[in-house]
Amino acid sequence: MASEEQVELNAPHFPTEKAFEAFEVVEHTIKSEILKSRHDWNKHEPRMWSRAAGISDADLVAFNIREDLVECRSAPTSYGTIILGKIRLPAIRDDEGEGFVHVRIHDPPNRGTEDVIFHSLFTDEGNRDEDGHPTTWRAIQTRDTPLEFFNE
């Protein structure tokens, strides 16, 4: 698996047609993984998905890749291409503005988009205290949160 030091992502940009196609292949999986993550985190740290409090599961994942994939980055690896995407969650609009999830997918070489696989969602356990424990939790990012490499 690639690490941040091994990957040179291109600059953030509006999604290309190929990116839309790749994310559409795994759109259902992305939605399922968002709900799985939300339910898992709510068991032990509900602050991770707190921006979605009071929003139904159906509304949370009521996005459309063609309309809501707003930014991408990618990088080649020896085993294909890593693609990062910033997807708007239309149901999230609060005092921080619109809400977005950062998603990582993988496109293996030589087969088009048919074999694209979901890799992970970015969940930020940040602002570590002196003991190394996180003090903030965020699965729903703001528009200004940079789309950066993550390996979760």
C-alpha atoms as a PDB file:
ATOM      1  CA  MET A   1       0.000   0.000   0.000  1.00  0.00           C
ATOM      2  CA  ALA A   2       1.251   3.472  -0.863  1.00  0.00           C
ATOM      3  CA  SER A   3       2.274   5.987   1.757  1.00  0.00           C
ATOM      4  CA  GLU A   4       2.136   9.770   1.591  1.00  0.00           C
ATOM      5  CA  GLU A   5       5.874   9.891   0.948  1.00  0.00           C
ATOM      6  CA  GLN A   6       5.552   7.569  -2.065  1.00  0.00           C
ATOM      7  CA  VAL A   7       2.642   9.340  -3.758  1.00  0.00           C
ATOM      8  CA  GLU A   8       2.763  12.552  -5.768  1.00  0.00           C
ATOM      9  CA  LEU A   9      -0.802  13.790  -6.081  1.00  0.00           C
ATOM     10  CA  ASN A  10      -1.676  16.204  -8.838  1.00  0.00           C
ATOM     11  CA  ALA A  11      -3.153  19.593  -7.894  1.00  0.00           C
ATOM     12  CA  PRO A  12      -6.795  19.742  -6.789  1.00  0.00           C
ATOM     13  CA  HIS A  13      -9.071  20.162  -9.798  1.00  0.00           C
ATOM     14  CA  PHE A  14     -12.638  19.818 -11.015  1.00  0.00           C
ATOM     15  CA  PRO A  15     -13.348  16.156 -11.785  1.00  0.00           C
ATOM     16  CA  THR A  16     -12.639  14.882 -15.279  1.00  0.00           C
ATOM     17  CA  GLU A  17     -15.048  12.607 -17.117  1.00  0.00           C
ATOM     18  CA  LYS A  18     -12.879   9.636 -16.168  1.00  0.00           C
ATOM     19  CA  ALA A  19     -13.098  10.604 -12.485  1.00  0.00           C
ATOM     20  CA  PHE A  20     -16.897  10.876 -12.660  1.00  0.00           C
ATOM     21  CA  GLU A  21     -17.037   7.440 -14.270  1.00  0.00           C
ATOM     22  CA  ALA A  22     -14.714   5.910 -11.669  1.00  0.00           C
ATOM     23  CA  PHE A  23     -16.676   7.310  -8.720  1.00  0.00           C
ATOM     24  CA  GLU A  24     -19.978   6.227 -10.282  1.00  0.00           C
ATOM     25  CA  VAL A  25     -18.737   2.620 -10.296  1.00  0.00           C
ATOM     26  CA  VAL A  26     -18.428   2.710  -6.493  1.00  0.00           C
ATOM     27  CA  GLU A  27     -21.170   5.245  -5.637  1.00  0.00           C
ATOM     28  CA  HIS A  28     -23.359   2.626  -3.936  1.00  0.00           C
ATOM     29  CA  THR A  29     -20.380   1.366  -1.907  1.00  0.00           C
ATOM     30  CA  ILE A  30     -19.444   4.921  -0.886  1.00  0.00           C
ATOM     31  CA  LYS A  31     -22.985   5.494   0.399  1.00  0.00           C
ATOM     32  CA  SER A  32     -22.963   2.192   2.288  1.00  0.00           C
ATOM     33  CA  GLU A  33     -19.569   2.966   3.821  1.00  0.00           C
ATOM     34  CA  ILE A  34     -20.704   6.428   4.927  1.00  0.00           C
ATOM     35  CA  LEU A  35     -23.640   4.873   6.784  1.00  0.00           C
ATOM     36  CA  LYS A  36     -21.473   2.088   8.221  1.00  0.00           C
ATOM     37  CA  SER A  37     -18.920   4.641   9.432  1.00  0.00           C
ATOM     38  CA  ARG A  38     -21.616   6.837  10.941  1.00  0.00           C
ATOM     39  CA  HIS A  39     -23.178   3.941  12.843  1.00  0.00           C
ATOM     40  CA  ASP A  40     -19.815   2.571  14.026  1.00  0.00           C
ATOM     41  CA  TRP A  41     -18.550   5.966  15.216  1.00  0.00           C
ATOM     42  CA  ASN A  42     -21.855   6.790  16.918  1.00  0.00           C
ATOM     43  CA  LYS A  43     -21.304   3.782  19.200  1.00  0.00           C
ATOM     44  CA  HIS A  44     -18.086   5.144  20.722  1.00  0.00           C
ATOM     45  CA  GLU A  45     -17.477   8.717  19.509  1.00  0.00           C
ATOM     46  CA  PRO A  46     -20.597  10.454  18.174  1.00  0.00           C
ATOM     47  CA  ARG A  47     -18.709  13.712  17.650  1.00  0.00           C
ATOM     48  CA  MET A  48     -17.165  12.201  14.478  1.00  0.00           C
ATOM     49  CA  TRP A  49     -20.462  12.544  12.572  1.00  0.00           C
ATOM     50  CA  SER A  50     -21.973  15.312  14.732  1.00  0.00           C
ATOM     51  CA  ARG A  51     -22.640  17.589  11.761  1.00  0.00           C
ATOM     52  CA  ALA A  52     -25.143  14.959  10.593  1.00  0.00           C
ATOM     53  CA  ALA A  53     -27.047  14.858  13.896  1.00  0.00           C
ATOM     54  CA  GLY A  54     -30.772  14.861  13.230  1.00  0.00           C
ATOM     55  CA  ILE A  55     -30.349  13.957   9.552  1.00  0.00           C
ATOM     56  CA  SER A  56     -31.713  10.613   8.391  1.00  0.00           C
ATOM     57  CA  ASP A  57     -29.455   8.035   6.796  1.00  0.00           C
ATOM     58  CA  ALA A  58     -31.368   8.392   3.526  1.00  0.00           C
ATOM     59  CA  ASP A  59     -30.913  12.160   3.478  1.00  0.00           C
ATOM     60  CA  LEU A  60     -27.251  11.931   4.473  1.00  0.00           C
ATOM     61  CA  VAL A  61     -26.393   9.850   1.409  1.00  0.00           C
ATOM     62  CA  ALA A  62     -28.758  11.581  -1.029  1.00  0.00           C
ATOM     63  CA  PHE A  63     -25.948  12.785  -3.257  1.00  0.00           C
ATOM     64  CA  ASN A  64     -25.317  12.264  -6.945  1.00  0.00           C
ATOM     65  CA  ILE A  65     -21.749  11.860  -8.185  1.00  0.00           C
ATOM     66  CA  ARG A  66     -22.330  13.975 -11.305  1.00  0.00           C
ATOM     67  CA  GLU A  67     -23.673  16.868  -9.223  1.00  0.00           C
ATOM     68  CA  ASP A  68     -21.802  16.522  -5.956  1.00  0.00           C
ATOM     69  CA  LEU A  69     -18.273  15.322  -6.755  1.00  0.00           C
ATOM     70  CA  VAL A  70     -16.662  18.755  -6.703  1.00  0.00           C
ATOM     71  CA  GLU A  71     -12.921  18.151  -6.537  1.00  0.00           C
ATOM     72  CA  CYS A  72     -10.401  15.412  -7.290  1.00  0.00           C
ATOM     73  CA  ARG A  73      -6.739  14.593  -7.033  1.00  0.00           C
ATOM     74  CA  SER A  74      -4.954  11.513  -8.284  1.00  0.00           C
ATOM     75  CA  ALA A  75      -1.566   9.841  -8.366  1.00  0.00           C
ATOM     76  CA  PRO A  76      -0.149   6.859 -10.195  1.00  0.00           C
ATOM     77  CA  THR A  77       1.252   3.947  -8.226  1.00  0.00           C
ATOM     78  CA  SER A  78       2.890   0.707  -9.307  1.00  0.00           C
ATOM     79  CA  TYR A  79      -0.490  -1.005  -8.833  1.00  0.00           C
ATOM     80  CA  GLY A  80      -2.816   1.525 -10.510  1.00  0.00           C
ATOM     81  CA  THR A  81      -4.102   4.979  -9.672  1.00  0.00           C
ATOM     82  CA  ILE A  82      -5.172   6.450  -6.345  1.00  0.00           C
ATOM     83  CA  ILE A  83      -8.055   8.887  -6.777  1.00  0.00           C
ATOM     84  CA  LEU A  84      -9.226  11.214  -4.021  1.00  0.00           C
ATOM     85  CA  GLY A  85     -12.589  12.921  -4.243  1.00  0.00           C
ATOM     86  CA  LYS A  86     -14.435  15.614  -2.320  1.00  0.00           C
ATOM     87  CA  ILE A  87     -18.167  14.816  -2.390  1.00  0.00           C
ATOM     88  CA  ARG A  88     -20.792  17.314  -1.244  1.00  0.00           C
ATOM     89  CA  LEU A  89     -23.448  16.010   1.138  1.00  0.00           C
ATOM     90  CA  PRO A  90     -26.461  18.169   0.149  1.00  0.00           C
ATOM     91  CA  ALA A  91     -28.260  17.524   3.460  1.00  0.00           C
ATOM     92  CA  ILE A  92     -25.428  19.170   5.415  1.00  0.00           C
ATOM     93  CA  ARG A  93     -25.640  22.922   5.603  1.00  0.00           C
ATOM     94  CA  ASP A  94     -24.957  24.422   9.007  1.00  0.00           C
ATOM     95  CA  ASP A  95     -23.038  27.287  10.595  1.00  0.00           C
ATOM     96  CA  GLU A  96     -19.849  25.849   9.016  1.00  0.00           C
ATOM     97  CA  GLY A  97     -21.424  25.880   5.548  1.00  0.00           C
ATOM     98  CA  GLU A  98     -21.817  22.930   3.221  1.00  0.00           C
ATOM     99  CA  GLY A  99     -20.583  19.496   4.266  1.00  0.00           C
ATOM    100  CA  PHE A 100     -18.286  17.197   2.281  1.00  0.00           C
ATOM    101  CA  VAL A 101     -16.743  13.763   2.652  1.00  0.00           C
ATOM    102  CA  HIS A 102     -13.289  12.915   1.370  1.00  0.00           C
ATOM    103  CA  VAL A 103     -13.175   9.536  -0.354  1.00  0.00           C
ATOM    104  CA  ARG A 104     -10.271   7.459  -1.630  1.00  0.00           C
ATOM    105  CA  ILE A 105     -10.776   4.978  -4.437  1.00  0.00           C
ATOM    106  CA  HIS A 106      -8.370   2.850  -6.435  1.00  0.00           C
ATOM    107  CA  ASP A 107      -8.315   2.149 -10.158  1.00  0.00           C
ATOM    108  CA  PRO A 108      -6.131  -0.872 -10.993  1.00  0.00           C
ATOM    109  CA  PRO A 109      -4.262  -0.700 -14.311  1.00  0.00           C
ATOM    110  CA  ASN A 110      -5.361  -1.895 -17.747  1.00  0.00           C
ATOM    111  CA  ARG A 111      -9.106  -2.486 -17.372  1.00  0.00           C
ATOM    112  CA  GLY A 112     -10.881   0.868 -17.620  1.00  0.00           C
ATOM    113  CA  THR A 113     -13.149   1.795 -14.738  1.00  0.00           C
ATOM    114  CA  GLU A 114     -14.947  -1.549 -14.422  1.00  0.00           C
ATOM    115  CA  ASP A 115     -12.598  -2.720 -11.658  1.00  0.00           C
ATOM    116  CA  VAL A 116     -12.480   0.484  -9.586  1.00  0.00           C
ATOM    117  CA  ILE A 117     -12.675  -0.247  -5.874  1.00  0.00           C
ATOM    118  CA  PHE A 118     -13.581   1.816  -2.830  1.00  0.00           C
ATOM    119  CA  HIS A 119     -10.639   2.263  -0.472  1.00  0.00           C
ATOM    120  CA  SER A 120     -11.679   4.517   2.439  1.00  0.00           C
ATOM    121  CA  LEU A 121     -13.344   7.588   3.914  1.00  0.00           C
ATOM    122  CA  PHE A 122     -11.316  10.277   5.631  1.00  0.00           C
ATOM    123  CA  THR A 123     -12.188  10.535   9.315  1.00  0.00           C
ATOM    124  CA  ASP A 124     -10.071  13.123  11.070  1.00  0.00           C
ATOM    125  CA  GLU A 125      -9.068  12.471  14.649  1.00  0.00           C
ATOM    126  CA  GLY A 126      -7.172  15.693  15.140  1.00  0.00           C
ATOM    127  CA  ASN A 127      -5.712  18.218  17.536  1.00  0.00           C
ATOM    128  CA  ARG A 128      -3.874  15.685  19.652  1.00  0.00           C
ATOM    129  CA  ASP A 129      -3.232  16.560  23.272  1.00  0.00           C
ATOM    130  CA  GLU A 130       0.091  16.120  25.056  1.00  0.00           C
ATOM    131  CA  ASP A 131      -0.679  12.420  25.560  1.00  0.00           C
ATOM    132  CA  GLY A 132      -1.384  11.916  21.870  1.00  0.00           C
ATOM    133  CA  HIS A 133      -5.142  11.573  22.230  1.00  0.00           C
ATOM    134  CA  PRO A 134      -7.381  13.365  19.719  1.00  0.00           C
ATOM    135  CA  THR A 135      -9.503  16.252  20.942  1.00  0.00           C
ATOM    136  CA  THR A 136     -11.511  16.761  17.735  1.00  0.00           C
ATOM    137  CA  TRP A 137     -13.309  14.314  15.468  1.00  0.00           C
ATOM    138  CA  ARG A 138     -14.560  15.143  11.983  1.00  0.00           C
ATOM    139  CA  ALA A 139     -15.912  12.942   9.193  1.00  0.00           C
ATOM    140  CA  ILE A 140     -17.764  15.773   7.469  1.00  0.00           C
ATOM    141  CA  GLN A 141     -15.345  18.346   6.133  1.00  0.00           C
ATOM    142  CA  THR A 142     -15.861  21.970   5.123  1.00  0.00           C
ATOM    143  CA  ARG A 143     -15.418  23.311   1.596  1.00  0.00           C
ATOM    144  CA  ASP A 144     -12.064  24.771   2.665  1.00  0.00           C
ATOM    145  CA  THR A 145     -10.644  21.533   4.094  1.00  0.00           C
ATOM    146  CA  PRO A 146      -7.845  20.555   1.689  1.00  0.00           C
ATOM    147  CA  LEU A 147      -8.219  17.272  -0.165  1.00  0.00           C
ATOM    148  CA  GLU A 148      -4.987  15.604   0.939  1.00  0.00           C
ATOM    149  CA  PHE A 149      -3.588  12.075   0.941  1.00  0.00           C
ATOM    150  CA  PHE A 150      -5.021   9.827   3.626  1.00  0.00           C
ATOM    151  CA  ASN A 151      -4.490   6.173   4.342  1.00  0.00           C
ATOM    152  CA  GLU A 152      -7.295   4.850   6.496  1.00  0.00           C
END
